[in-house]
């Protein structure tokens, strides 16, 4: 089946929230996580539960370095759940994976 159907489900705002959140979890648990391009799209999603799960997924990424511009966008989110998940990313990721100078 591969990851494309899960990316489509995660990004499809017409799908139920639970399905989209689960798609993000599958991308994280089974595949290599959510890529930066998808994260940029998910950062502007209307659903705070989807945004929160997306940043959770990004925190579990296999990538050694995370795009701090994406992290900053989630840090500035107006929803407390999204902000909390982003702060958890900042606390749990190795310091070297977040370069705030860029």
Protein backbone atom coordinates (compact mmCIF):
# COMPACT_ATOMS: atom_id res chain seq x y z
CA UNK A 1 0.00 0.00 0.00
CA UNK A 2 2.81 2.42 0.82
CA UNK A 3 2.69 5.86 2.43
CA UNK A 4 0.92 7.96 -0.28
CA UNK A 5 -2.65 7.00 0.74
CA UNK A 6 -1.85 7.94 4.34
CA UNK A 7 -0.44 11.31 3.28
CA UNK A 8 -3.59 11.91 1.24
CA UNK A 9 -5.81 11.01 4.19
CA UNK A 10 -3.84 13.22 6.58
CA UNK A 11 -4.10 16.24 4.27
CA UNK A 12 -7.76 15.77 3.26
CA UNK A 13 -9.81 18.22 5.34
CA UNK A 14 -13.01 16.47 4.24
CA UNK A 15 -12.07 13.32 6.16
CA UNK A 16 -13.10 12.79 9.79
CA UNK A 17 -10.58 14.03 12.34
CA UNK A 18 -10.01 10.57 13.80
CA UNK A 19 -9.08 9.15 10.39
CA UNK A 20 -6.67 11.99 9.68
CA UNK A 21 -5.01 11.69 13.09
CA UNK A 22 -4.66 7.93 12.65
CA UNK A 23 -3.12 8.45 9.19
CA UNK A 24 -0.50 10.71 10.76
CA UNK A 25 0.19 8.08 13.42
CA UNK A 26 0.60 5.36 10.77
CA UNK A 27 3.01 7.58 8.83
CA UNK A 28 5.02 7.96 12.02
CA UNK A 29 4.89 4.39 13.28
CA UNK A 30 5.17 2.46 10.01
CA UNK A 31 6.92 4.83 7.63
CA UNK A 32 9.57 7.49 8.15
CA UNK A 33 7.16 10.09 9.53
CA UNK A 34 5.77 13.27 8.04
CA UNK A 35 8.02 15.13 5.62
CA UNK A 36 8.70 18.88 5.76
CA UNK A 37 6.48 19.68 2.75
CA UNK A 38 3.50 17.96 4.37
CA UNK A 39 4.27 19.62 7.70
CA UNK A 40 4.07 23.04 6.04
CA UNK A 41 0.61 22.14 4.72
CA UNK A 42 -0.53 20.68 8.03
CA UNK A 43 0.64 23.79 9.92
CA UNK A 44 -2.20 25.76 8.33
CA UNK A 45 -4.84 23.05 8.72
CA UNK A 46 -8.07 24.29 10.28
CA UNK A 47 -8.26 21.39 12.72
CA UNK A 48 -6.16 21.84 15.90
CA UNK A 49 -6.19 18.09 16.65
CA UNK A 50 -4.61 17.42 13.26
CA UNK A 51 -2.02 20.17 13.77
CA UNK A 52 -1.17 18.82 17.22
CA UNK A 53 -0.73 15.27 15.94
CA UNK A 54 1.34 16.53 13.03
CA UNK A 55 3.87 18.25 15.28
CA UNK A 56 3.90 15.16 17.50
CA UNK A 57 4.76 13.14 14.40
CA UNK A 58 7.47 15.60 13.45
CA UNK A 59 8.99 15.18 16.92
CA UNK A 60 9.25 11.45 16.24
CA UNK A 61 10.83 11.97 12.85
CA UNK A 62 13.90 9.97 11.89
CA UNK A 63 15.48 13.15 10.59
CA UNK A 64 18.60 14.26 12.44
CA UNK A 65 17.78 17.95 11.88
CA UNK A 66 14.31 19.46 12.01
CA UNK A 67 13.27 22.55 10.06
CA UNK A 68 13.01 25.15 12.81
CA UNK A 69 10.87 27.43 10.62
CA UNK A 70 8.21 24.71 10.78
CA UNK A 71 8.66 24.31 14.53
CA UNK A 72 8.34 28.09 15.00
CA UNK A 73 5.12 28.12 13.00
CA UNK A 74 3.64 25.50 15.33
CA UNK A 75 4.98 27.31 18.41
CA UNK A 76 3.03 30.38 17.34
CA UNK A 77 -0.21 28.40 17.02
CA UNK A 78 -3.19 29.93 18.84
CA UNK A 79 -4.38 26.54 20.15
CA UNK A 80 -2.90 25.45 23.51
CA UNK A 81 -2.81 21.76 22.51
CA UNK A 82 -0.69 22.52 19.46
CA UNK A 83 1.63 24.78 21.43
CA UNK A 84 2.02 22.12 24.14
CA UNK A 85 2.89 19.41 21.62
CA UNK A 86 5.44 21.76 20.05
CA UNK A 87 7.01 22.53 23.41
CA UNK A 88 7.21 18.80 24.09
CA UNK A 89 9.11 18.43 20.81
CA UNK A 90 11.56 21.10 21.97
CA UNK A 91 12.07 19.33 25.29
CA UNK A 92 12.47 15.80 23.94
CA UNK A 93 14.52 16.22 20.78
CA UNK A 94 18.31 16.32 21.00
CA UNK A 95 19.54 19.90 21.06
CA UNK A 96 21.57 19.32 17.89
CA UNK A 97 18.40 18.53 15.92
CA UNK A 98 17.09 22.09 16.38
CA UNK A 99 19.19 24.92 14.95
CA UNK A 100 17.48 28.15 16.02
CA UNK A 101 20.04 30.37 14.29
CA UNK A 102 18.44 29.91 10.87
